[in-house]
Amino acid sequence: MGQRLAAYCRVSTKKEAQLDSLAHQKEFFSQYAQREGLTLTEVYADEGVSGRQLRRREQFLRMLSDAGKGRFDLIAVKDISRFARNTVDCLQAVRALKKQGIPVRFLSAGQESMGESEFILTVYASLAQEESANLSKRVKFGKEINAKKGRVPPMLYGYDRIDLFTLQINLTEAAVVRFLFERYADGWGALRIAQELNRLGKPTKLGKEWNSRGVRRILRNPIYCGTLVNHKSTVVDYLDGTVAPLPEGVHYKHDRPEWAIITPEQFEAVQQEMARRRMIAAGVRHK
């Protein structure tokens, strides 16, 4: 029996083509183990996650935990960008594994011995991080262009998305939207509305129970009176995914009266009522 090999692979989205790539990666490691006389004991595979944030990669963390339990002798990774796109995370993981006597083999052309030299590893890890940063910038730019054009969210209660820029009112959900606005205008609180919807068996878009936060999110969205607002936030740190709100002056507003479920007057009345209640609550807190 040869040395026990563990392999790590990752794809960043759950699209079919990417998951097919994951299957190819697993086959690649199987062939590598056979060729090198190793015993492939485990393939750790994270599906649909980014390489930038270690905390979201469950299989990667499980691999590090299993290393401490002595479940394999070495780790193979096809490419450093599959291992980590954050230079610090990459170096820390390789160091931790080395301390346990577990080397990491990067198998792409020109990277076979990279794990043996921290300097070389740092260079390649930095290049992978820079590639990720540039990709993030391109994605951000594309999103802003589509926001200007009026791209709609992939999932929005009250509507069915027809394509990237078209919504169609969902009549069943629209009735619930009207219920939310009417009850709030009548003096109900967001929590009471959520509880009533749950009692009536009216689930959210994802089939879950309502909470006060979900109710308020709908009450604040002007799409329900026919105004689509995009570019309301932006990613300020692509490594940890930090998002910050943008000032109203840079929002992109698109008039879509055909998507209105309630009147602009109803929407404005609810906004004023929400503001009034916030002022009362703030006054109580400061007493």
Protein backbone atom coordinates (compact mmCIF):
# COMPACT_ATOMS: atom_id res chain seq x y z
CA MET A 1 0.00 0.00 0.00
CA GLY A 2 1.48 3.36 -1.08
CA GLN A 3 1.34 6.62 0.77
CA ARG A 4 -2.15 7.86 1.48
CA LEU A 5 -3.06 10.76 -0.79
CA ALA A 6 -5.77 13.32 -0.16
CA ALA A 7 -6.79 15.73 -2.92
CA TYR A 8 -8.49 19.10 -2.81
CA CYS A 9 -10.47 20.68 -5.62
CA ARG A 10 -12.89 23.58 -5.91
CA VAL A 11 -15.21 25.22 -8.41
CA SER A 12 -16.44 28.74 -7.80
CA THR A 13 -20.00 28.42 -9.12
CA LYS A 14 -22.68 25.75 -9.25
CA LYS A 15 -23.28 26.09 -12.95
CA GLU A 16 -23.42 22.75 -14.75
CA ALA A 17 -20.24 23.39 -16.74
CA GLN A 18 -18.32 24.17 -13.58
CA LEU A 19 -19.55 21.08 -11.78
CA ASP A 20 -18.54 19.06 -14.80
CA SER A 21 -15.10 20.57 -14.32
CA LEU A 22 -15.19 19.30 -10.72
CA ALA A 23 -15.81 15.76 -11.96
CA HIS A 24 -12.83 16.13 -14.30
CA GLN A 25 -10.66 17.31 -11.40
CA LYS A 26 -11.59 14.23 -9.38
CA GLU A 27 -10.72 11.96 -12.31
CA PHE A 28 -7.42 13.80 -12.69
CA PHE A 29 -6.44 12.98 -9.09
CA SER A 30 -7.47 9.36 -9.45
CA GLN A 31 -5.20 8.96 -12.45
CA TYR A 32 -2.38 10.81 -10.71
CA ALA A 33 -2.54 8.54 -7.66
CA GLN A 34 -2.48 5.43 -9.84
CA ARG A 35 0.47 6.74 -11.86
CA GLU A 36 2.48 7.64 -8.74
CA GLY A 37 1.71 4.46 -6.81
CA LEU A 38 -0.29 6.31 -4.18
CA THR A 39 -3.54 5.37 -2.47
CA LEU A 40 -6.20 8.03 -2.97
CA THR A 41 -8.11 8.06 0.31
CA GLU A 42 -10.23 11.19 0.04
CA VAL A 43 -11.16 13.96 -2.38
CA TYR A 44 -12.25 17.15 -0.61
CA ALA A 45 -14.40 19.19 -2.98
CA ASP A 46 -15.99 22.59 -2.37
CA GLU A 47 -18.76 23.35 -4.84
CA GLY A 48 -20.04 26.82 -5.63
CA VAL A 49 -17.68 28.74 -3.35
CA SER A 50 -15.02 31.38 -3.85
CA GLY A 51 -11.36 30.73 -3.12
CA ARG A 52 -11.02 34.12 -1.43
CA GLN A 53 -12.70 33.36 1.89
CA LEU A 54 -11.45 30.37 3.84
CA ARG A 55 -14.29 30.39 6.38
CA ARG A 56 -16.87 29.55 3.70
CA ARG A 57 -15.01 26.51 2.38
CA GLU A 58 -16.30 23.66 4.51
CA GLN A 59 -14.43 20.89 2.74
CA PHE A 60 -11.13 22.77 2.88
CA LEU A 61 -11.52 23.23 6.63
CA ARG A 62 -12.48 19.55 7.02
CA MET A 63 -9.30 18.64 5.13
CA LEU A 64 -7.18 20.67 7.55
CA SER A 65 -8.95 19.03 10.49
CA ASP A 66 -8.45 15.52 9.07
CA ALA A 67 -4.77 16.28 8.54
CA GLY A 68 -4.42 16.72 12.30
CA LYS A 69 -6.04 13.32 12.79
CA GLY A 70 -3.45 11.59 10.59
CA ARG A 71 -5.90 10.45 7.93
CA PHE A 72 -3.50 10.98 5.00
CA ASP A 73 0.20 11.49 4.27
CA LEU A 74 0.19 14.17 1.57
CA ILE A 75 -2.18 16.46 -0.29
CA ALA A 76 -2.44 17.08 -4.02
CA VAL A 77 -3.95 20.21 -5.56
CA LYS A 78 -4.18 20.72 -9.30
CA ASP A 79 -3.48 24.46 -9.23
CA ILE A 80 -2.79 27.07 -6.57
CA SER A 81 -5.87 29.07 -7.60
CA ARG A 82 -7.97 26.03 -6.61
CA PHE A 83 -6.24 25.94 -3.21
CA ALA A 84 -6.58 29.61 -2.23
CA ARG A 85 -6.79 33.02 -3.90
CA ASN A 86 -5.86 34.73 -0.67
CA THR A 87 -2.06 34.76 -0.24
CA VAL A 88 -2.17 34.79 3.57
CA ASP A 89 -4.63 31.88 3.77
CA CYS A 90 -2.54 29.88 1.31
CA LEU A 91 0.72 30.33 3.21
CA GLN A 92 -0.86 29.67 6.60
CA ALA A 93 -2.51 26.47 5.38
CA VAL A 94 0.68 25.13 3.80
CA ARG A 95 2.68 25.97 6.94
CA ALA A 96 0.14 24.26 9.19
CA LEU A 97 0.23 21.12 7.06
CA LYS A 98 4.04 21.10 6.93
CA LYS A 99 4.19 21.21 10.74
CA GLN A 100 2.19 18.00 10.72
CA GLY A 101 4.56 16.42 8.21
CA ILE A 102 2.09 16.64 5.35
CA PRO A 103 3.48 18.15 2.14
CA VAL A 104 1.27 19.85 -0.45
CA ARG A 105 1.86 19.02 -4.12
CA PHE A 106 0.70 21.51 -6.73
CA LEU A 107 0.43 19.52 -9.94
CA SER A 108 -0.01 22.08 -12.70
CA ALA A 109 2.90 22.55 -15.09
CA GLY A 110 5.80 24.33 -13.46
CA GLN A 111 4.32 24.13 -9.95
CA GLU A 112 5.26 20.58 -8.88
CA SER A 113 7.83 21.63 -6.28
CA MET A 114 6.26 24.95 -5.32
CA GLY A 115 5.18 23.77 -1.89
CA GLU A 116 8.83 23.14 -0.96
CA SER A 117 9.80 26.81 -1.33
CA GLU A 118 7.86 29.43 0.59
CA PHE A 119 9.30 32.18 -1.59
CA ILE A 120 8.11 30.55 -4.80
CA LEU A 121 4.80 29.71 -3.17
CA THR A 122 4.34 33.34 -2.12
CA VAL A 123 4.97 34.55 -5.66
CA TYR A 124 2.45 32.14 -7.19
CA ALA A 125 -0.10 32.78 -4.43
CA SER A 126 0.23 36.53 -4.97
CA LEU A 127 -0.31 36.08 -8.70
CA ALA A 128 -3.43 34.03 -8.00
CA GLN A 129 -4.71 36.72 -5.64
CA GLU A 130 -4.05 39.44 -8.22
CA GLU A 131 -5.89 37.42 -10.85
CA SER A 132 -8.83 37.12 -8.47
CA ALA A 133 -8.75 40.89 -7.84
CA ASN A 134 -8.81 41.63 -11.57
CA LEU A 135 -11.67 39.18 -12.07
CA SER A 136 -13.57 40.89 -9.26
CA LYS A 137 -13.08 44.27 -10.96
CA ARG A 138 -14.37 42.91 -14.28
CA VAL A 139 -17.41 41.37 -12.61
CA LYS A 140 -18.07 44.60 -10.70
CA PHE A 141 -17.83 46.63 -13.91
CA GLY A 142 -20.21 44.27 -15.72
CA LYS A 143 -22.72 44.47 -12.87
CA GLU A 144 -22.63 48.26 -12.95
CA ILE A 145 -23.27 48.30 -16.71
CA ASN A 146 -26.24 45.95 -16.29
CA ALA A 147 -27.50 48.02 -13.35
CA LYS A 148 -27.55 51.08 -15.61
CA LYS A 149 -29.54 49.10 -18.17
CA GLY A 150 -32.07 48.04 -15.55
CA ARG A 151 -31.14 44.48 -14.70
CA VAL A 152 -33.61 42.88 -12.28
CA PRO A 153 -32.82 40.67 -9.27
CA PRO A 154 -32.73 36.91 -9.88
CA MET A 155 -35.45 36.41 -7.28
CA LEU A 156 -37.94 38.98 -6.04
CA TYR A 157 -41.13 38.34 -4.10
CA GLY A 158 -44.20 39.39 -6.04
CA TYR A 159 -42.66 38.70 -9.44
CA ASP A 160 -41.39 36.01 -11.77
CA ARG A 161 -38.24 36.90 -13.69
CA ILE A 162 -38.63 36.43 -17.45
CA ASP A 163 -35.08 37.44 -18.40
CA LEU A 164 -32.25 39.65 -17.07
CA PHE A 165 -34.25 42.84 -17.60
CA THR A 166 -37.90 41.74 -17.43
CA LEU A 167 -40.26 40.91 -14.57
CA GLN A 168 -43.80 39.61 -14.63
CA ILE A 169 -46.18 40.14 -11.72
CA ASN A 170 -46.97 36.94 -9.82
CA LEU A 171 -50.66 37.39 -9.01
CA THR A 172 -50.65 35.15 -5.93
CA GLU A 173 -47.64 36.85 -4.39
CA ALA A 174 -48.86 40.31 -5.44
CA ALA A 175 -51.93 39.80 -3.23
CA VAL A 176 -49.60 39.18 -0.28
CA VAL A 177 -47.60 42.31 -1.11
CA ARG A 178 -50.79 44.38 -1.02
CA PHE A 179 -51.68 42.75 2.29
CA LEU A 180 -48.31 43.84 3.74
CA PHE A 181 -48.71 47.46 2.73
CA GLU A 182 -52.37 47.68 3.76
CA ARG A 183 -51.84 46.14 7.20
CA TYR A 184 -48.80 48.31 7.93
CA ALA A 185 -50.77 51.42 6.95
CA ASP A 186 -53.50 50.19 9.31
CA GLY A 187 -51.02 50.26 12.21
CA TRP A 188 -49.73 46.71 12.27
CA GLY A 189 -46.06 46.12 13.04
CA ALA A 190 -43.74 44.12 10.81
CA LEU A 191 -43.55 41.25 13.31
CA ARG A 192 -47.34 40.99 13.58
CA ILE A 193 -47.63 40.94 9.77
CA ALA A 194 -45.00 38.18 9.54
CA GLN A 195 -46.78 36.11 12.18
CA GLU A 196 -50.11 36.51 10.39
CA LEU A 197 -48.64 35.42 7.04
CA ASN A 198 -47.14 32.36 8.71
CA ARG A 199 -50.47 31.56 10.37
CA LEU A 200 -52.19 31.82 6.98
CA GLY A 201 -49.63 29.48 5.43
CA LYS A 202 -48.20 32.05 3.03
CA PRO A 203 -44.47 31.24 2.65
CA THR A 204 -41.68 33.45 1.36
CA LYS A 205 -40.25 33.08 -2.15
CA LEU A 206 -37.92 30.38 -0.82
CA GLY A 207 -40.76 28.53 0.87
CA LYS A 208 -39.73 29.59 4.37
CA GLU A 209 -41.51 31.41 7.18
CA TRP A 210 -41.67 35.19 7.25
CA ASN A 211 -39.87 37.36 9.79
CA SER A 212 -40.03 41.08 10.51
CA ARG A 213 -36.85 41.76 8.52
CA GLY A 214 -38.31 40.20 5.38
CA VAL A 215 -41.51 42.20 5.77
CA ARG A 216 -39.60 45.49 6.15
CA ARG A 217 -37.46 44.68 3.12
CA ILE A 218 -40.59 44.55 0.97
CA LEU A 219 -42.09 47.65 2.55
CA ARG A 220 -38.95 49.66 1.69
CA ASN A 221 -38.60 48.52 -1.93
CA PRO A 222 -40.00 51.03 -4.47
CA ILE A 223 -40.21 48.32 -7.14
CA TYR A 224 -43.68 47.59 -5.78
CA CYS A 225 -44.92 51.00 -6.90
CA GLY A 226 -43.15 50.77 -10.26
CA THR A 227 -39.63 52.11 -9.65
CA LEU A 228 -36.64 49.79 -10.02
CA VAL A 229 -33.59 51.01 -8.09
CA ASN A 230 -30.14 49.53 -8.79
CA HIS A 231 -26.57 50.25 -7.70
CA LYS A 232 -27.53 50.65 -4.05
CA SER A 233 -24.39 48.98 -2.68
CA THR A 234 -20.90 47.96 -3.75
CA VAL A 235 -18.20 45.50 -2.69
CA VAL A 236 -15.45 47.43 -0.92
CA ASP A 237 -13.19 44.46 -0.06
CA TYR A 238 -13.28 41.60 -2.51
CA LEU A 239 -11.23 39.33 -0.21
CA ASP A 240 -13.75 39.24 2.63
CA GLY A 241 -16.81 40.23 0.58
CA THR A 242 -17.54 43.38 2.59
CA VAL A 243 -20.43 45.34 1.03
CA ALA A 244 -21.13 49.01 1.74
CA PRO A 245 -24.27 51.03 0.89
CA LEU A 246 -23.99 53.74 -1.75
CA PRO A 247 -25.52 57.23 -1.40
CA GLU A 248 -28.87 57.76 -3.06
CA GLY A 249 -27.33 60.21 -5.51
CA VAL A 250 -25.52 57.41 -7.38
CA HIS A 251 -28.45 54.97 -7.47
CA TYR A 252 -29.84 54.04 -10.89
CA LYS A 253 -33.61 54.50 -11.02
CA HIS A 254 -35.81 53.03 -13.76
CA ASP A 255 -39.51 53.80 -14.09
CA ARG A 256 -41.43 50.55 -14.66
CA PRO A 257 -45.10 51.43 -14.09
CA GLU A 258 -46.14 48.11 -15.63
CA TRP A 259 -44.59 46.35 -12.60
CA ALA A 260 -46.51 48.37 -9.99
CA ILE A 261 -48.45 46.28 -7.47
CA ILE A 262 -49.43 49.23 -5.26
CA THR A 263 -49.76 52.95 -6.02
CA PRO A 264 -46.91 55.44 -5.45
CA GLU A 265 -49.19 57.14 -2.91
CA GLN A 266 -49.54 53.91 -0.92
CA PHE A 267 -45.79 53.40 -0.98
CA GLU A 268 -45.03 56.94 0.16
CA ALA A 269 -47.58 56.73 2.97
CA VAL A 270 -45.90 53.61 4.31
CA GLN A 271 -42.44 55.24 4.11
CA GLN A 272 -43.71 58.18 6.14
CA GLU A 273 -45.29 55.83 8.68
CA MET A 274 -42.05 53.84 8.99
CA ALA A 275 -40.11 57.09 9.55
CA ARG A 276 -42.62 58.21 12.17
CA ARG A 277 -42.29 54.95 14.08
CA ARG A 278 -38.47 55.12 13.93
CA MET A 279 -38.57 58.61 15.46
CA ILE A 280 -40.85 57.43 18.25
CA ALA A 281 -38.60 54.43 18.93
CA ALA A 282 -35.50 56.65 18.94
CA GLY A 283 -37.17 59.03 21.38
CA VAL A 284 -38.03 56.17 23.72
CA ARG A 285 -34.44 54.87 23.62
CA HIS A 286 -33.00 58.30 24.50
CA LYS A 287 -35.23 58.84 27.53
